[in-house]
């Protein structure tokens, strides 16, 4: 669900922060969003709402997608290692390709080849900028079994 807080809601959160601080309780807020959240922070700063920014929007951390073969390997290793149901010995990889899995196949072994394929497609499409695959796309490729 997409939700954008208005100034009153930020002020309410600031008041909650202050009330808890008086009781020696630390409130940590994590606001997750796209570029518009950063724009909202800037607008609050320009409007002189520094108390909101100083309490609720102190640091910014970018959530990056997959940017290299090592990132793909980390993602694929999760499919190779994560069992469902928990404790069942059935990883996602084993579920989709049980015979290959039993013979030793792991998705992580294809990380380099997969990254090269993404790079080739990025180059062929003449897309601008550095290649970065959103995590949701990586999950879709794996769940569609297009890797095996």
Protein backbone atom coordinates (compact mmCIF):
# COMPACT_ATOMS: atom_id res chain seq x y z
CA UNK A 1 0.00 0.00 0.00
CA UNK A 2 1.34 3.41 -0.93
CA UNK A 3 0.86 6.05 1.72
CA UNK A 4 2.19 9.54 1.90
CA UNK A 5 2.21 11.25 5.28
CA UNK A 6 1.05 14.82 5.49
CA UNK A 7 2.69 17.49 7.62
CA UNK A 8 0.24 16.96 10.51
CA UNK A 9 1.12 13.27 10.68
CA UNK A 10 4.84 14.05 10.74
CA UNK A 11 4.23 16.54 13.55
CA UNK A 12 2.27 13.90 15.45
CA UNK A 13 5.18 11.48 15.06
CA UNK A 14 7.55 14.20 16.24
CA UNK A 15 5.36 14.70 19.33
CA UNK A 16 5.37 10.95 20.01
CA UNK A 17 9.16 10.98 19.65
CA UNK A 18 9.44 13.84 22.16
CA UNK A 19 7.02 12.24 24.66
CA UNK A 20 8.92 8.97 24.58
CA UNK A 21 12.26 10.76 24.84
CA UNK A 22 11.09 12.43 28.07
CA UNK A 23 10.54 8.92 29.43
CA UNK A 24 14.05 7.90 28.29
CA UNK A 25 12.63 5.72 25.52
CA UNK A 26 14.25 5.98 22.10
CA UNK A 27 11.99 5.90 19.06
CA UNK A 28 13.57 4.77 15.82
CA UNK A 29 11.63 5.57 12.67
CA UNK A 30 12.24 3.94 9.32
CA UNK A 31 10.55 5.67 6.44
CA UNK A 32 10.75 3.61 3.29
CA UNK A 33 9.99 5.11 -0.06
CA UNK A 34 11.17 6.22 -3.42
CA UNK A 35 12.53 9.55 -4.60
CA UNK A 36 9.35 11.35 -3.56
CA UNK A 37 10.19 10.67 0.10
CA UNK A 38 13.51 12.44 -0.34
CA UNK A 39 11.66 15.30 -2.04
CA UNK A 40 9.29 15.45 0.94
CA UNK A 41 12.27 15.67 3.31
CA UNK A 42 13.69 18.52 1.25
CA UNK A 43 10.32 20.31 1.26
CA UNK A 44 10.14 20.01 5.05
CA UNK A 45 13.65 21.46 5.34
CA UNK A 46 12.79 24.36 3.03
CA UNK A 47 9.62 25.01 5.06
CA UNK A 48 11.70 25.26 8.23
CA UNK A 49 10.34 22.05 9.72
CA UNK A 50 13.79 21.07 10.94
CA UNK A 51 12.44 19.47 14.13
CA UNK A 52 10.60 16.86 12.04
CA UNK A 53 13.62 16.20 9.85
CA UNK A 54 16.03 16.05 12.81
CA UNK A 55 13.91 13.46 14.63
CA UNK A 56 12.39 11.37 11.87
CA UNK A 57 14.55 11.76 8.74
CA UNK A 58 18.13 11.90 9.96
CA UNK A 59 19.87 9.55 7.53
CA UNK A 60 19.18 8.28 4.06
CA UNK A 61 20.08 4.84 2.83
CA UNK A 62 19.56 3.79 -0.76
CA UNK A 63 18.24 0.32 -1.37
CA UNK A 64 20.03 -0.87 -4.46
CA UNK A 65 19.03 -3.64 -6.77
CA UNK A 66 21.36 -6.26 -8.16
CA UNK A 67 24.45 -4.62 -9.62
CA UNK A 68 26.87 -7.48 -10.31
CA UNK A 69 27.31 -11.25 -10.42
CA UNK A 70 28.05 -11.39 -6.69
CA UNK A 71 24.68 -9.79 -5.93
CA UNK A 72 22.95 -12.34 -8.13
CA UNK A 73 24.87 -15.14 -6.39
CA UNK A 74 23.66 -13.90 -3.01
CA UNK A 75 20.07 -13.87 -4.21
CA UNK A 76 20.27 -17.29 -5.88
CA UNK A 77 21.96 -18.82 -2.85
CA UNK A 78 18.85 -17.91 -0.90
CA UNK A 79 16.80 -20.06 -3.26
CA UNK A 80 19.32 -22.87 -2.94
CA UNK A 81 19.45 -22.74 0.87
CA UNK A 82 15.98 -21.70 2.04
CA UNK A 83 13.72 -24.64 2.87
CA UNK A 84 9.94 -24.50 2.78
CA UNK A 85 8.22 -25.65 4.81
CA UNK A 86 10.90 -24.80 7.33
CA UNK A 87 12.94 -27.83 8.32
CA UNK A 88 11.71 -29.89 5.36
CA UNK A 89 15.00 -30.14 3.41
CA UNK A 90 13.12 -28.84 0.35
CA UNK A 91 14.71 -25.65 -0.91
CA UNK A 92 13.04 -23.66 -3.64
CA UNK A 93 15.63 -24.91 -6.11
CA UNK A 94 14.98 -28.51 -5.11
CA UNK A 95 11.22 -28.00 -5.45
CA UNK A 96 11.44 -26.67 -9.02
CA UNK A 97 14.21 -28.97 -10.31
CA UNK A 98 14.41 -31.92 -7.91
CA UNK A 99 16.43 -34.28 -10.11
CA UNK A 100 18.98 -31.61 -11.00
CA UNK A 101 19.19 -30.56 -7.36
CA UNK A 102 19.77 -34.14 -6.22
CA UNK A 103 22.51 -34.41 -8.86
CA UNK A 104 24.27 -31.38 -7.32
CA UNK A 105 22.88 -28.49 -9.36
CA UNK A 106 22.55 -25.15 -7.56
CA UNK A 107 21.27 -21.88 -8.99
CA UNK A 108 24.21 -20.04 -7.46
CA UNK A 109 26.52 -21.75 -9.96
CA UNK A 110 24.79 -19.86 -12.79
CA UNK A 111 25.21 -16.39 -11.29
CA UNK A 112 28.00 -15.38 -13.68
CA UNK A 113 26.20 -16.64 -16.76
CA UNK A 114 22.99 -14.96 -15.69
CA UNK A 115 24.75 -11.64 -15.07
CA UNK A 116 26.37 -11.84 -18.52
CA UNK A 117 22.93 -12.41 -20.06
CA UNK A 118 21.51 -9.37 -18.27
CA UNK A 119 24.50 -7.28 -19.37
CA UNK A 120 24.06 -8.38 -22.98
CA UNK A 121 20.35 -7.56 -22.92
CA UNK A 122 21.06 -4.16 -21.32
CA UNK A 123 23.65 -3.39 -23.99
CA UNK A 124 21.49 -4.69 -26.86
CA UNK A 125 18.59 -2.49 -25.74
CA UNK A 126 20.97 0.51 -25.55
CA UNK A 127 19.64 1.36 -22.11
CA UNK A 128 21.27 4.35 -20.44
CA UNK A 129 23.16 4.17 -17.19
CA UNK A 130 24.65 1.36 -15.24
CA UNK A 131 22.84 -1.97 -15.17
CA UNK A 132 20.84 -2.47 -11.99
CA UNK A 133 18.11 -5.10 -11.70
CA UNK A 134 15.36 -4.36 -9.19
CA UNK A 135 15.03 -7.19 -6.66
CA UNK A 136 11.42 -7.80 -7.63
CA UNK A 137 12.56 -8.59 -11.20
CA UNK A 138 15.14 -11.07 -9.97
CA UNK A 139 12.51 -12.85 -7.89
CA UNK A 140 10.18 -12.97 -10.90
CA UNK A 141 12.87 -14.51 -13.14
CA UNK A 142 13.60 -17.23 -10.63
CA UNK A 143 9.98 -17.96 -9.78
CA UNK A 144 9.08 -18.21 -13.49
CA UNK A 145 11.69 -20.96 -13.72
CA UNK A 146 13.28 -19.16 -16.65
CA UNK A 147 16.71 -20.03 -15.25
CA UNK A 148 16.35 -23.77 -15.53
